[in-house]
Amino acid sequence: VGVDSRPLVQLSEMIRKENLDVRSFLVVKDGK
């Protein structure tokens, strides 16, 4: 759907690196 997955990978890496208690993180684009 025209989204670059690399920044989303980096987001998850940042959450782990900074040890943040993020239980869920979702992105919906174009209804998907």
ModelCIF file with pLDDT and N, C-alpha, C, O atoms, coordinates in Angstrom:
data_MODEL
#
_entry.id   MODEL 
#
_entity.id                         1 
_entity.type                       polymer 
_entity.pdbx_number_of_molecules   1 
#
_entity_poly.entity_id                      1 
_entity_poly.type                           'polypeptide(L)' 
_entity_poly.nstd_linkage                   no 
_entity_poly.nstd_monomer                   no 
_entity_poly.pdbx_seq_one_letter_code       VGVDSRPLVQLSEMIRKENLDVRSFLVVKDGK 
_entity_poly.pdbx_seq_one_letter_code_can   VGVDSRPLVQLSEMIRKENLDVRSFLVVKDGK 
_entity_poly.pdbx_strand_id                 A 
#
loop_
_entity_poly_seq.entity_id 
_entity_poly_seq.num 
_entity_poly_seq.mon_id 
_entity_poly_seq.hetero 
1 1  VAL n 
1 2  GLY n 
1 3  VAL n 
1 4  ASP n 
1 5  SER n 
1 6  ARG n 
1 7  PRO n 
1 8  LEU n 
1 9  VAL n 
1 10 GLN n 
1 11 LEU n 
1 12 SER n 
1 13 GLU n 
1 14 MET n 
1 15 ILE n 
1 16 ARG n 
1 17 LYS n 
1 18 GLU n 
1 19 ASN n 
1 20 LEU n 
1 21 ASP n 
1 22 VAL n 
1 23 ARG n 
1 24 SER n 
1 25 PHE n 
1 26 LEU n 
1 27 VAL n 
1 28 VAL n 
1 29 LYS n 
1 30 ASP n 
1 31 GLY n 
1 32 LYS n 
#
_struct_asym.id          A 
_struct_asym.entity_id   1 
#
loop_
_ma_qa_metric.id 
_ma_qa_metric.mode 
_ma_qa_metric.name 
_ma_qa_metric.software_group_id 
_ma_qa_metric.type 
1 global pLDDT . pLDDT 
2 local  pLDDT . pLDDT 
#
_ma_qa_metric_global.metric_id      1 
_ma_qa_metric_global.metric_value   97.69 
_ma_qa_metric_global.model_id       1 
_ma_qa_metric_global.ordinal_id     1 
#
loop_
_ma_qa_metric_local.label_asym_id 
_ma_qa_metric_local.label_comp_id 
_ma_qa_metric_local.label_seq_id 
_ma_qa_metric_local.metric_id 
_ma_qa_metric_local.metric_value 
_ma_qa_metric_local.model_id 
_ma_qa_metric_local.ordinal_id 
A VAL 1  2 96.00 1 1  
A GLY 2  2 97.00 1 2  
A VAL 3  2 97.00 1 3  
A ASP 4  2 97.00 1 4  
A SER 5  2 97.00 1 5  
A ARG 6  2 97.00 1 6  
A PRO 7  2 98.00 1 7  
A LEU 8  2 98.00 1 8  
A VAL 9  2 98.00 1 9  
A GLN 10 2 98.00 1 10 
A LEU 11 2 98.00 1 11 
A SER 12 2 98.00 1 12 
A GLU 13 2 98.00 1 13 
A MET 14 2 98.00 1 14 
A ILE 15 2 98.00 1 15 
A ARG 16 2 98.00 1 16 
A LYS 17 2 98.00 1 17 
A GLU 18 2 98.00 1 18 
A ASN 19 2 98.00 1 19 
A LEU 20 2 98.00 1 20 
A ASP 21 2 98.00 1 21 
A VAL 22 2 98.00 1 22 
A ARG 23 2 98.00 1 23 
A SER 24 2 98.00 1 24 
A PHE 25 2 98.00 1 25 
A LEU 26 2 98.00 1 26 
A VAL 27 2 98.00 1 27 
A VAL 28 2 98.00 1 28 
A LYS 29 2 98.00 1 29 
A ASP 30 2 97.00 1 30 
A GLY 31 2 97.00 1 31 
A LYS 32 2 97.00 1 32 
#
loop_
_atom_site.group_PDB 
_atom_site.id 
_atom_site.type_symbol 
_atom_site.label_atom_id 
_atom_site.label_alt_id 
_atom_site.label_comp_id 
_atom_site.label_asym_id 
_atom_site.label_entity_id 
_atom_site.label_seq_id 
_atom_site.pdbx_PDB_ins_code 
_atom_site.Cartn_x 
_atom_site.Cartn_y 
_atom_site.Cartn_z 
_atom_site.occupancy 
_atom_site.B_iso_or_equiv 
_atom_site.pdbx_formal_charge 
_atom_site.auth_seq_id 
_atom_site.auth_comp_id 
_atom_site.auth_asym_id 
_atom_site.auth_atom_id 
_atom_site.pdbx_PDB_model_num 
ATOM 1   N N  . VAL A 1 1  ? 0.835  -1.204 0.000  1.00 96.00 ? 1  VAL A N  1 
ATOM 2   C CA . VAL A 1 1  ? 0.000  0.000  0.000  1.00 96.00 ? 1  VAL A CA 1 
ATOM 3   C C  . VAL A 1 1  ? 0.870  1.254  0.000  1.00 96.00 ? 1  VAL A C  1 
ATOM 4   O O  . VAL A 1 1  ? 0.437  2.321  0.434  1.00 96.00 ? 1  VAL A O  1 
ATOM 5   N N  . GLY A 1 2  ? 2.093  1.113  -0.488 1.00 97.00 ? 2  GLY A N  1 
ATOM 6   C CA . GLY A 1 2  ? 2.967  2.267  -0.644 1.00 97.00 ? 2  GLY A CA 1 
ATOM 7   C C  . GLY A 1 2  ? 3.616  2.765  0.621  1.00 97.00 ? 2  GLY A C  1 
ATOM 8   O O  . GLY A 1 2  ? 3.967  3.941  0.711  1.00 97.00 ? 2  GLY A O  1 
ATOM 9   N N  . VAL A 1 3  ? 3.786  1.891  1.612  1.00 97.00 ? 3  VAL A N  1 
ATOM 10  C CA . VAL A 1 3  ? 4.403  2.269  2.890  1.00 97.00 ? 3  VAL A CA 1 
ATOM 11  C C  . VAL A 1 3  ? 5.783  1.627  2.985  1.00 97.00 ? 3  VAL A C  1 
ATOM 12  O O  . VAL A 1 3  ? 5.953  0.441  2.703  1.00 97.00 ? 3  VAL A O  1 
ATOM 13  N N  . ASP A 1 4  ? 6.742  2.415  3.377  1.00 97.00 ? 4  ASP A N  1 
ATOM 14  C CA . ASP A 1 4  ? 8.111  1.939  3.569  1.00 97.00 ? 4  ASP A CA 1 
ATOM 15  C C  . ASP A 1 4  ? 8.207  1.281  4.942  1.00 97.00 ? 4  ASP A C  1 
ATOM 16  O O  . ASP A 1 4  ? 8.057  1.952  5.962  1.00 97.00 ? 4  ASP A O  1 
ATOM 17  N N  . SER A 1 5  ? 8.454  -0.012 4.973  1.00 97.00 ? 5  SER A N  1 
ATOM 18  C CA . SER A 1 5  ? 8.464  -0.731 6.247  1.00 97.00 ? 5  SER A CA 1 
ATOM 19  C C  . SER A 1 5  ? 9.700  -0.441 7.087  1.00 97.00 ? 5  SER A C  1 
ATOM 20  O O  . SER A 1 5  ? 9.713  -0.744 8.280  1.00 97.00 ? 5  SER A O  1 
ATOM 21  N N  . ARG A 1 6  ? 10.726 0.132  6.499  1.00 97.00 ? 6  ARG A N  1 
ATOM 22  C CA . ARG A 1 6  ? 11.984 0.319  7.253  1.00 97.00 ? 6  ARG A CA 1 
ATOM 23  C C  . ARG A 1 6  ? 11.826 1.233  8.468  1.00 97.00 ? 6  ARG A C  1 
ATOM 24  O O  . ARG A 1 6  ? 12.337 0.888  9.533  1.00 97.00 ? 6  ARG A O  1 
ATOM 25  N N  . PRO A 1 7  ? 11.148 2.379  8.367  1.00 98.00 ? 7  PRO A N  1 
ATOM 26  C CA . PRO A 1 7  ? 10.948 3.173  9.593  1.00 98.00 ? 7  PRO A CA 1 
ATOM 27  C C  . PRO A 1 7  ? 10.110 2.454  10.648 1.00 98.00 ? 7  PRO A C  1 
ATOM 28  O O  . PRO A 1 7  ? 10.277 2.707  11.841 1.00 98.00 ? 7  PRO A O  1 
ATOM 29  N N  . LEU A 1 8  ? 9.215  1.567  10.231 1.00 98.00 ? 8  LEU A N  1 
ATOM 30  C CA . LEU A 1 8  ? 8.421  0.815  11.202 1.00 98.00 ? 8  LEU A CA 1 
ATOM 31  C C  . LEU A 1 8  ? 9.292  -0.203 11.936 1.00 98.00 ? 8  LEU A C  1 
ATOM 32  O O  . LEU A 1 8  ? 9.110  -0.441 13.130 1.00 98.00 ? 8  LEU A O  1 
ATOM 33  N N  . VAL A 1 9  ? 10.233 -0.798 11.217 1.00 98.00 ? 9  VAL A N  1 
ATOM 34  C CA . VAL A 1 9  ? 11.211 -1.672 11.867 1.00 98.00 ? 9  VAL A CA 1 
ATOM 35  C C  . VAL A 1 9  ? 12.040 -0.869 12.865 1.00 98.00 ? 9  VAL A C  1 
ATOM 36  O O  . VAL A 1 9  ? 12.275 -1.318 13.987 1.00 98.00 ? 9  VAL A O  1 
ATOM 37  N N  . GLN A 1 10 ? 12.480 0.316  12.455 1.00 98.00 ? 10 GLN A N  1 
ATOM 38  C CA . GLN A 1 10 ? 13.271 1.174  13.345 1.00 98.00 ? 10 GLN A CA 1 
ATOM 39  C C  . GLN A 1 10 ? 12.480 1.603  14.571 1.00 98.00 ? 10 GLN A C  1 
ATOM 40  O O  . GLN A 1 10 ? 13.042 1.719  15.661 1.00 98.00 ? 10 GLN A O  1 
ATOM 41  N N  . LEU A 1 11 ? 11.187 1.840  14.408 1.00 98.00 ? 11 LEU A N  1 
ATOM 42  C CA . LEU A 1 11 ? 10.327 2.181  15.541 1.00 98.00 ? 11 LEU A CA 1 
ATOM 43  C C  . LEU A 1 11 ? 10.331 1.058  16.567 1.00 98.00 ? 11 LEU A C  1 
ATOM 44  O O  . LEU A 1 11 ? 10.511 1.302  17.760 1.00 98.00 ? 11 LEU A O  1 
ATOM 45  N N  . SER A 1 12 ? 10.136 -0.156 16.111 1.00 98.00 ? 12 SER A N  1 
ATOM 46  C CA . SER A 1 12 ? 10.116 -1.292 17.033 1.00 98.00 ? 12 SER A CA 1 
ATOM 47  C C  . SER A 1 12 ? 11.474 -1.491 17.692 1.00 98.00 ? 12 SER A C  1 
ATOM 48  O O  . SER A 1 12 ? 11.556 -1.805 18.879 1.00 98.00 ? 12 SER A O  1 
ATOM 49  N N  . GLU A 1 13 ? 12.529 -1.309 16.924 1.00 98.00 ? 13 GLU A N  1 
ATOM 50  C CA . GLU A 1 13 ? 13.872 -1.421 17.503 1.00 98.00 ? 13 GLU A CA 1 
ATOM 51  C C  . GLU A 1 13 ? 14.079 -0.373 18.595 1.00 98.00 ? 13 GLU A C  1 
ATOM 52  O O  . GLU A 1 13 ? 14.654 -0.671 19.641 1.00 98.00 ? 13 GLU A O  1 
ATOM 53  N N  . MET A 1 14 ? 13.616 0.843  18.354 1.00 98.00 ? 14 MET A N  1 
ATOM 54  C CA . MET A 1 14 ? 13.746 1.903  19.354 1.00 98.00 ? 14 MET A CA 1 
ATOM 55  C C  . MET A 1 14 ? 12.985 1.547  20.628 1.00 98.00 ? 14 MET A C  1 
ATOM 56  O O  . MET A 1 14 ? 13.492 1.763  21.729 1.00 98.00 ? 14 MET A O  1 
ATOM 57  N N  . ILE A 1 15 ? 11.784 1.009  20.493 1.00 98.00 ? 15 ILE A N  1 
ATOM 58  C CA . ILE A 1 15 ? 10.994 0.621  21.663 1.00 98.00 ? 15 ILE A CA 1 
ATOM 59  C C  . ILE A 1 15 ? 11.743 -0.413 22.489 1.00 98.00 ? 15 ILE A C  1 
ATOM 60  O O  . ILE A 1 15 ? 11.760 -0.335 23.717 1.00 98.00 ? 15 ILE A O  1 
ATOM 61  N N  . ARG A 1 16 ? 12.363 -1.381 21.821 1.00 98.00 ? 16 ARG A N  1 
ATOM 62  C CA . ARG A 1 16 ? 13.125 -2.401 22.552 1.00 98.00 ? 16 ARG A CA 1 
ATOM 63  C C  . ARG A 1 16 ? 14.396 -1.810 23.163 1.00 98.00 ? 16 ARG A C  1 
ATOM 64  O O  . ARG A 1 16 ? 14.724 -2.091 24.316 1.00 98.00 ? 16 ARG A O  1 
ATOM 65  N N  . LYS A 1 17 ? 15.104 -0.997 22.391 1.00 98.00 ? 17 LYS A N  1 
ATOM 66  C CA . LYS A 1 17 ? 16.358 -0.425 22.876 1.00 98.00 ? 17 LYS A CA 1 
ATOM 67  C C  . LYS A 1 17 ? 16.134 0.441  24.100 1.00 98.00 ? 17 LYS A C  1 
ATOM 68  O O  . LYS A 1 17 ? 16.929 0.408  25.039 1.00 98.00 ? 17 LYS A O  1 
ATOM 69  N N  . GLU A 1 18 ? 15.051 1.222  24.101 1.00 98.00 ? 18 GLU A N  1 
ATOM 70  C CA . GLU A 1 18 ? 14.766 2.105  25.227 1.00 98.00 ? 18 GLU A CA 1 
ATOM 71  C C  . GLU A 1 18 ? 13.922 1.420  26.302 1.00 98.00 ? 18 GLU A C  1 
ATOM 72  O O  . GLU A 1 18 ? 13.552 2.032  27.303 1.00 98.00 ? 18 GLU A O  1 
ATOM 73  N N  . ASN A 1 19 ? 13.630 0.154  26.078 1.00 98.00 ? 19 ASN A N  1 
ATOM 74  C CA . ASN A 1 19 ? 12.928 -0.685 27.061 1.00 98.00 ? 19 ASN A CA 1 
ATOM 75  C C  . ASN A 1 19 ? 11.587 -0.082 27.476 1.00 98.00 ? 19 ASN A C  1 
ATOM 76  O O  . ASN A 1 19 ? 11.239 -0.072 28.657 1.00 98.00 ? 19 ASN A O  1 
ATOM 77  N N  . LEU A 1 20 ? 10.844 0.418  26.499 1.00 98.00 ? 20 LEU A N  1 
ATOM 78  C CA . LEU A 1 20 ? 9.543  1.027  26.753 1.00 98.00 ? 20 LEU A CA 1 
ATOM 79  C C  . LEU A 1 20 ? 8.469  -0.048 26.877 1.00 98.00 ? 20 LEU A C  1 
ATOM 80  O O  . LEU A 1 20 ? 8.479  -1.045 26.154 1.00 98.00 ? 20 LEU A O  1 
ATOM 81  N N  . ASP A 1 21 ? 7.557  0.171  27.793 1.00 98.00 ? 21 ASP A N  1 
ATOM 82  C CA . ASP A 1 21 ? 6.461  -0.788 27.995 1.00 98.00 ? 21 ASP A CA 1 
ATOM 83  C C  . ASP A 1 21 ? 5.314  -0.437 27.038 1.00 98.00 ? 21 ASP A C  1 
ATOM 84  O O  . ASP A 1 21 ? 4.280  0.093  27.443 1.00 98.00 ? 21 ASP A O  1 
ATOM 85  N N  . VAL A 1 22 ? 5.532  -0.745 25.779 1.00 98.00 ? 22 VAL A N  1 
ATOM 86  C CA . VAL A 1 22 ? 4.508  -0.575 24.749 1.00 98.00 ? 22 VAL A CA 1 
ATOM 87  C C  . VAL A 1 22 ? 3.878  -1.939 24.520 1.00 98.00 ? 22 VAL A C  1 
ATOM 88  O O  . VAL A 1 22 ? 4.531  -2.854 24.018 1.00 98.00 ? 22 VAL A O  1 
ATOM 89  N N  . ARG A 1 23 ? 2.619  -2.074 24.884 1.00 98.00 ? 23 ARG A N  1 
ATOM 90  C CA . ARG A 1 23 ? 1.957  -3.369 24.818 1.00 98.00 ? 23 ARG A CA 1 
ATOM 91  C C  . ARG A 1 23 ? 1.528  -3.719 23.393 1.00 98.00 ? 23 ARG A C  1 
ATOM 92  O O  . ARG A 1 23 ? 1.672  -4.860 22.953 1.00 98.00 ? 23 ARG A O  1 
ATOM 93  N N  . SER A 1 24 ? 1.002  -2.730 22.683 1.00 98.00 ? 24 SER A N  1 
ATOM 94  C CA . SER A 1 24 ? 0.589  -2.956 21.294 1.00 98.00 ? 24 SER A CA 1 
ATOM 95  C C  . SER A 1 24 ? 0.825  -1.688 20.495 1.00 98.00 ? 24 SER A C  1 
ATOM 96  O O  . SER A 1 24 ? 0.761  -0.579 21.024 1.00 98.00 ? 24 SER A O  1 
ATOM 97  N N  . PHE A 1 25 ? 1.100  -1.874 19.201 1.00 98.00 ? 25 PHE A N  1 
ATOM 98  C CA . PHE A 1 25 ? 1.259  -0.743 18.284 1.00 98.00 ? 25 PHE A CA 1 
ATOM 99  C C  . PHE A 1 25 ? 0.791  -1.217 16.915 1.00 98.00 ? 25 PHE A C  1 
ATOM 100 O O  . PHE A 1 25 ? 1.346  -2.156 16.346 1.00 98.00 ? 25 PHE A O  1 
ATOM 101 N N  . LEU A 1 26 ? -0.245 -0.549 16.391 1.00 98.00 ? 26 LEU A N  1 
ATOM 102 C CA . LEU A 1 26 ? -0.860 -0.949 15.131 1.00 98.00 ? 26 LEU A CA 1 
ATOM 103 C C  . LEU A 1 26 ? -0.881 0.232  14.166 1.00 98.00 ? 26 LEU A C  1 
ATOM 104 O O  . LEU A 1 26 ? -1.003 1.386  14.579 1.00 98.00 ? 26 LEU A O  1 
ATOM 105 N N  . VAL A 1 27 ? -0.762 -0.073 12.877 1.00 98.00 ? 27 VAL A N  1 
ATOM 106 C CA . VAL A 1 27 ? -0.952 0.922  11.833 1.00 98.00 ? 27 VAL A CA 1 
ATOM 107 C C  . VAL A 1 27 ? -1.914 0.347  10.803 1.00 98.00 ? 27 VAL A C  1 
ATOM 108 O O  . VAL A 1 27 ? -1.716 -0.755 10.293 1.00 98.00 ? 27 VAL A O  1 
ATOM 109 N N  . VAL A 1 28 ? -2.954 1.110  10.508 1.00 98.00 ? 28 VAL A N  1 
ATOM 110 C CA . VAL A 1 28 ? -3.914 0.768  9.450  1.00 98.00 ? 28 VAL A CA 1 
ATOM 111 C C  . VAL A 1 28 ? -3.761 1.799  8.346  1.00 98.00 ? 28 VAL A C  1 
ATOM 112 O O  . VAL A 1 28 ? -3.790 3.002  8.605  1.00 98.00 ? 28 VAL A O  1 
ATOM 113 N N  . LYS A 1 29 ? -3.599 1.332  7.116  1.00 98.00 ? 29 LYS A N  1 
ATOM 114 C CA . LYS A 1 29 ? -3.442 2.216  5.961  1.00 98.00 ? 29 LYS A CA 1 
ATOM 115 C C  . LYS A 1 29 ? -4.397 1.759  4.864  1.00 98.00 ? 29 LYS A C  1 
ATOM 116 O O  . LYS A 1 29 ? -4.423 0.578  4.515  1.00 98.00 ? 29 LYS A O  1 
ATOM 117 N N  . ASP A 1 30 ? -5.176 2.679  4.322  1.00 97.00 ? 30 ASP A N  1 
ATOM 118 C CA . ASP A 1 30 ? -6.152 2.367  3.271  1.00 97.00 ? 30 ASP A CA 1 
ATOM 119 C C  . ASP A 1 30 ? -7.090 1.239  3.696  1.00 97.00 ? 30 ASP A C  1 
ATOM 120 O O  . ASP A 1 30 ? -7.488 0.404  2.883  1.00 97.00 ? 30 ASP A O  1 
ATOM 121 N N  . GLY A 1 31 ? -7.434 1.232  4.981  1.00 97.00 ? 31 GLY A N  1 
ATOM 122 C CA . GLY A 1 31 ? -8.344 0.221  5.491  1.00 97.00 ? 31 GLY A CA 1 
ATOM 123 C C  . GLY A 1 31 ? -7.731 -1.145 5.688  1.00 97.00 ? 31 GLY A C  1 
ATOM 124 O O  . GLY A 1 31 ? -8.452 -2.113 5.927  1.00 97.00 ? 31 GLY A O  1 
ATOM 125 N N  . LYS A 1 32 ? -6.414 -1.248 5.592  1.00 97.00 ? 32 LYS A N  1 
ATOM 126 C CA . LYS A 1 32 ? -5.723 -2.530 5.739  1.00 97.00 ? 32 LYS A CA 1 
ATOM 127 C C  . LYS A 1 32 ? -4.756 -2.479 6.916  1.00 97.00 ? 32 LYS A C  1 
ATOM 128 O O  . LYS A 1 32 ? -4.079 -3.466 7.201  1.00 97.00 ? 32 LYS A O  1 
#
